[in-house]
Amino acid sequence: MKKKRILLDLLVYLIIPLLCWNLFRGSISDYWLITIGLVPGLVYTIVTVAIEKEWSISGVFLLVMISLNLVVNLLSSTATQALWNPVWLSAATIVFYVLTMAAKRPFGIFFFIDYAHRMGMPRERAVKLYGHPANIGHFYKFTAFLMLREVVTILVRAVLLTIYGVDGYNQVSVGNSVVNYAFTGLTVVYVIYILKHMDNTVLAPKAATAA
């Protein structure tokens, strides 16, 4: 099932946009090809969330980010600007992560709460468990890790755009996908590490049973 999901993600987020770019470039403006290439990902995300009925904070966050990218592109006027938009969105995401940590609610914790809920843990118990002083430090570090992902994404896209410009759409798309899947692998390893080192004894047995 996971392999099918990965292949479907590749099809929607990478292969379809690349096919549109390489098949229709010259017939449609570069700007519209880039913008149209975002639509399958948005539709796919909405359909996936609707089918799985996972209107979680992390799911909504992903949907908002894809929607923002499309909206900002529609407000842009050139293909170059459209290709640079994800850089500014990633920078804004970093600022958002910093603000959540400053508010003592590191955003990374919500990914774990949503995951635990999908695995059958009551959401209230997950909030108490992960938000406990003995465990909350893991999620400050995990949020910093998410920020690192955005920094690397910015650097790779900026370097490729500086070298190739709009003509490097293929290289930028592939480079972006490589970064995403590399960090997805690292994220899985990091999540396993955090779950292994989580202090599950911080909740009293009665509280765990009642939840």
Protein backbone atom coordinates (compact mmCIF):
# COMPACT_ATOMS: atom_id res chain seq x y z
CA MET A 1 0.00 0.00 0.00
CA LYS A 2 2.84 2.39 0.89
CA LYS A 3 4.60 1.60 -2.42
CA LYS A 4 1.41 2.41 -4.35
CA ARG A 5 1.09 5.67 -2.40
CA ILE A 6 4.69 6.64 -3.21
CA LEU A 7 4.17 5.88 -6.91
CA LEU A 8 0.92 7.85 -6.92
CA ASP A 9 2.65 10.79 -5.22
CA LEU A 10 5.39 10.69 -7.86
CA LEU A 11 2.82 10.62 -10.63
CA VAL A 12 0.82 13.56 -9.31
CA TYR A 13 3.54 15.81 -7.93
CA LEU A 14 6.34 15.15 -10.42
CA ILE A 15 5.51 13.12 -13.55
CA ILE A 16 2.28 14.87 -14.61
CA PRO A 17 3.75 18.42 -14.21
CA LEU A 18 6.88 17.35 -16.12
CA LEU A 19 4.81 15.78 -18.91
CA CYS A 20 2.73 18.95 -19.22
CA TRP A 21 5.87 21.08 -19.35
CA ASN A 22 7.69 18.98 -21.94
CA LEU A 23 4.69 18.18 -24.15
CA PHE A 24 2.97 21.56 -24.25
CA ARG A 25 5.79 24.07 -23.85
CA GLY A 26 5.56 26.38 -26.83
CA SER A 27 1.82 25.89 -27.18
CA ILE A 28 1.05 27.31 -23.73
CA SER A 29 2.97 30.01 -21.90
CA ASP A 30 5.59 28.91 -19.36
CA TYR A 31 3.72 30.75 -16.62
CA TRP A 32 0.46 28.85 -17.19
CA LEU A 33 2.22 25.51 -17.56
CA ILE A 34 3.86 26.00 -14.14
CA THR A 35 0.55 27.05 -12.58
CA ILE A 36 -1.44 24.23 -14.20
CA GLY A 37 1.18 21.76 -12.95
CA LEU A 38 0.16 22.58 -9.37
CA VAL A 39 -3.51 21.71 -9.89
CA PRO A 40 -3.18 17.87 -9.88
CA GLY A 41 -1.37 18.00 -6.53
CA LEU A 42 -4.06 20.21 -5.00
CA VAL A 43 -6.92 18.02 -6.28
CA TYR A 44 -5.09 14.85 -5.22
CA THR A 45 -4.54 16.18 -1.70
CA ILE A 46 -8.18 17.26 -1.31
CA VAL A 47 -9.47 13.89 -2.58
CA THR A 48 -7.05 11.95 -0.35
CA VAL A 49 -8.02 13.90 2.76
CA ALA A 50 -11.74 13.56 1.92
CA ILE A 51 -11.54 9.79 1.29
CA GLU A 52 -9.47 9.09 4.40
CA LYS A 53 -11.53 11.60 6.40
CA GLU A 54 -8.32 12.87 7.93
CA TRP A 55 -9.07 16.54 8.54
CA SER A 56 -6.14 16.70 10.91
CA ILE A 57 -3.96 19.71 11.64
CA SER A 58 -1.07 18.27 9.64
CA GLY A 59 -3.36 17.35 6.71
CA VAL A 60 -4.92 20.81 6.65
CA PHE A 61 -1.43 22.36 6.87
CA LEU A 62 -0.33 20.48 3.74
CA LEU A 63 -3.51 21.48 1.94
CA VAL A 64 -3.06 25.13 2.90
CA MET A 65 0.55 25.17 1.69
CA ILE A 66 -0.36 23.69 -1.73
CA SER A 67 -3.31 26.09 -2.03
CA LEU A 68 -1.11 29.07 -1.11
CA ASN A 69 1.43 28.08 -3.75
CA LEU A 70 -1.32 27.98 -6.37
CA VAL A 71 -2.87 31.26 -5.25
CA VAL A 72 0.49 33.06 -5.17
CA ASN A 73 1.21 31.73 -8.66
CA LEU A 74 -2.11 33.05 -9.92
CA LEU A 75 -1.14 36.45 -8.52
CA SER A 76 2.24 36.29 -10.26
CA SER A 77 2.86 37.65 -13.73
CA THR A 78 5.86 35.71 -15.03
CA ALA A 79 7.15 32.13 -15.12
CA THR A 80 10.33 33.20 -13.33
CA GLN A 81 8.31 34.66 -10.48
CA ALA A 82 6.17 31.51 -10.31
CA LEU A 83 9.27 29.32 -10.00
CA TRP A 84 10.67 31.50 -7.21
CA ASN A 85 7.40 31.53 -5.23
CA PRO A 86 8.13 28.24 -3.38
CA VAL A 87 11.34 29.81 -2.07
CA TRP A 88 9.40 32.62 -0.39
CA LEU A 89 6.75 30.20 0.85
CA SER A 90 9.45 28.00 2.39
CA ALA A 91 10.94 31.09 4.06
CA ALA A 92 7.48 31.99 5.42
CA THR A 93 7.09 28.40 6.66
CA ILE A 94 10.36 28.69 8.58
CA VAL A 95 9.11 31.87 10.24
CA PHE A 96 5.85 30.07 11.09
CA TYR A 97 7.77 27.20 12.72
CA VAL A 98 9.84 29.66 14.75
CA LEU A 99 6.68 31.40 15.96
CA THR A 100 5.14 28.10 17.09
CA MET A 101 8.27 27.32 19.09
CA ALA A 102 8.26 30.81 20.59
CA ALA A 103 4.63 30.19 21.61
CA LYS A 104 5.78 26.92 23.25
CA ARG A 105 3.66 24.89 20.83
CA PRO A 106 6.27 23.49 18.40
CA PHE A 107 4.37 22.59 15.26
CA GLY A 108 6.14 19.24 14.92
CA ILE A 109 4.10 17.92 17.84
CA PHE A 110 0.89 18.03 15.80
CA PHE A 111 2.26 15.57 13.24
CA PHE A 112 2.83 13.10 16.08
CA ILE A 113 -0.56 13.74 17.66
CA ASP A 114 -2.30 13.17 14.31
CA TYR A 115 -0.29 10.01 13.68
CA ALA A 116 -1.02 8.64 17.17
CA HIS A 117 -4.72 9.38 16.65
CA ARG A 118 -4.71 7.46 13.36
CA MET A 119 -3.09 4.55 15.19
CA GLY A 120 -5.97 4.49 17.67
CA MET A 121 -4.73 6.66 20.53
CA PRO A 122 -7.33 9.17 21.78
CA ARG A 123 -6.28 12.66 20.77
CA GLU A 124 -6.52 14.03 24.33
CA ARG A 125 -4.15 11.36 25.62
CA ALA A 126 -1.69 12.04 22.79
CA VAL A 127 -1.75 15.77 23.61
CA LYS A 128 -0.99 15.05 27.29
CA LEU A 129 1.68 12.48 26.50
CA TYR A 130 3.61 14.45 23.88
CA GLY A 131 3.08 17.82 25.55
CA HIS A 132 4.44 16.62 28.89
CA PRO A 133 7.65 18.43 30.00
CA ALA A 134 9.50 15.10 29.83
CA ASN A 135 8.67 14.73 26.12
CA ILE A 136 8.10 18.19 24.67
CA GLY A 137 11.82 18.69 24.00
CA HIS A 138 11.69 16.06 21.27
CA PHE A 139 9.24 18.19 19.33
CA TYR A 140 11.25 21.39 19.54
CA LYS A 141 14.08 19.42 17.92
CA PHE A 142 11.73 17.83 15.39
CA THR A 143 10.35 21.25 14.43
CA ALA A 144 13.94 22.47 13.99
CA PHE A 145 14.47 19.44 11.73
CA LEU A 146 11.44 20.53 9.66
CA MET A 147 13.02 23.98 9.40
CA LEU A 148 16.25 22.38 8.13
CA ARG A 149 14.22 20.65 5.42
CA GLU A 150 12.87 24.03 4.27
CA VAL A 151 16.36 25.55 4.31
CA VAL A 152 17.76 22.76 2.11
CA THR A 153 14.75 23.07 -0.21
CA ILE A 154 15.38 26.81 -0.55
CA LEU A 155 19.09 26.34 -1.27
CA VAL A 156 18.59 23.61 -3.89
CA ARG A 157 15.84 25.51 -5.72
CA ALA A 158 17.69 28.82 -5.57
CA VAL A 159 20.92 27.31 -6.91
CA LEU A 160 19.17 25.47 -9.76
CA LEU A 161 17.12 28.54 -10.72
CA THR A 162 20.22 30.72 -10.66
CA ILE A 163 22.03 28.29 -12.95
CA TYR A 164 19.24 27.29 -15.35
CA GLY A 165 16.49 29.90 -15.02
CA VAL A 166 13.05 29.04 -16.38
CA ASP A 167 14.58 26.58 -18.83
CA GLY A 168 15.63 24.50 -15.84
CA TYR A 169 12.06 23.60 -14.84
CA ASN A 170 12.87 19.89 -15.26
CA GLN A 171 16.00 20.11 -13.12
CA VAL A 172 14.22 22.17 -10.45
CA SER A 173 11.28 19.73 -10.28
CA VAL A 174 13.52 16.66 -10.06
CA GLY A 175 15.86 18.35 -7.58
CA ASN A 176 12.90 19.32 -5.40
CA SER A 177 11.57 15.75 -5.47
CA VAL A 178 14.99 14.32 -4.56
CA VAL A 179 15.16 16.63 -1.54
CA ASN A 180 11.60 15.75 -0.51
CA TYR A 181 12.14 11.99 -0.68
CA ALA A 182 15.56 12.18 0.97
CA PHE A 183 14.08 14.10 3.89
CA THR A 184 11.07 11.78 3.97
CA GLY A 185 13.47 8.91 4.58
CA LEU A 186 15.34 10.89 7.23
CA THR A 187 12.03 11.86 8.83
CA VAL A 188 10.96 8.23 9.13
CA VAL A 189 14.25 7.40 10.88
CA TYR A 190 13.93 10.41 13.18
CA VAL A 191 10.30 9.62 14.04
CA ILE A 192 11.27 6.05 14.97
CA TYR A 193 14.06 7.44 17.15
CA ILE A 194 11.67 9.84 18.94
CA LEU A 195 9.02 7.18 19.51
CA LYS A 196 11.68 4.83 20.88
CA HIS A 197 12.94 7.45 23.34
CA MET A 198 9.50 8.76 24.32
CA ASP A 199 8.76 8.54 28.06
CA ASN A 200 5.42 6.74 28.12
CA THR A 201 5.38 6.51 31.92
CA VAL A 202 4.47 10.18 32.43
CA LEU A 203 0.74 9.39 32.35
CA ALA A 204 -0.75 7.63 35.35
CA PRO A 205 -2.23 4.18 34.53
CA LYS A 206 -5.75 5.42 35.37
CA ALA A 207 -5.42 8.37 33.01
CA ALA A 208 -4.21 6.09 30.22
CA THR A 209 -7.05 3.63 30.84
CA ALA A 210 -9.68 6.34 31.07
CA ALA A 211 -8.51 7.84 27.77
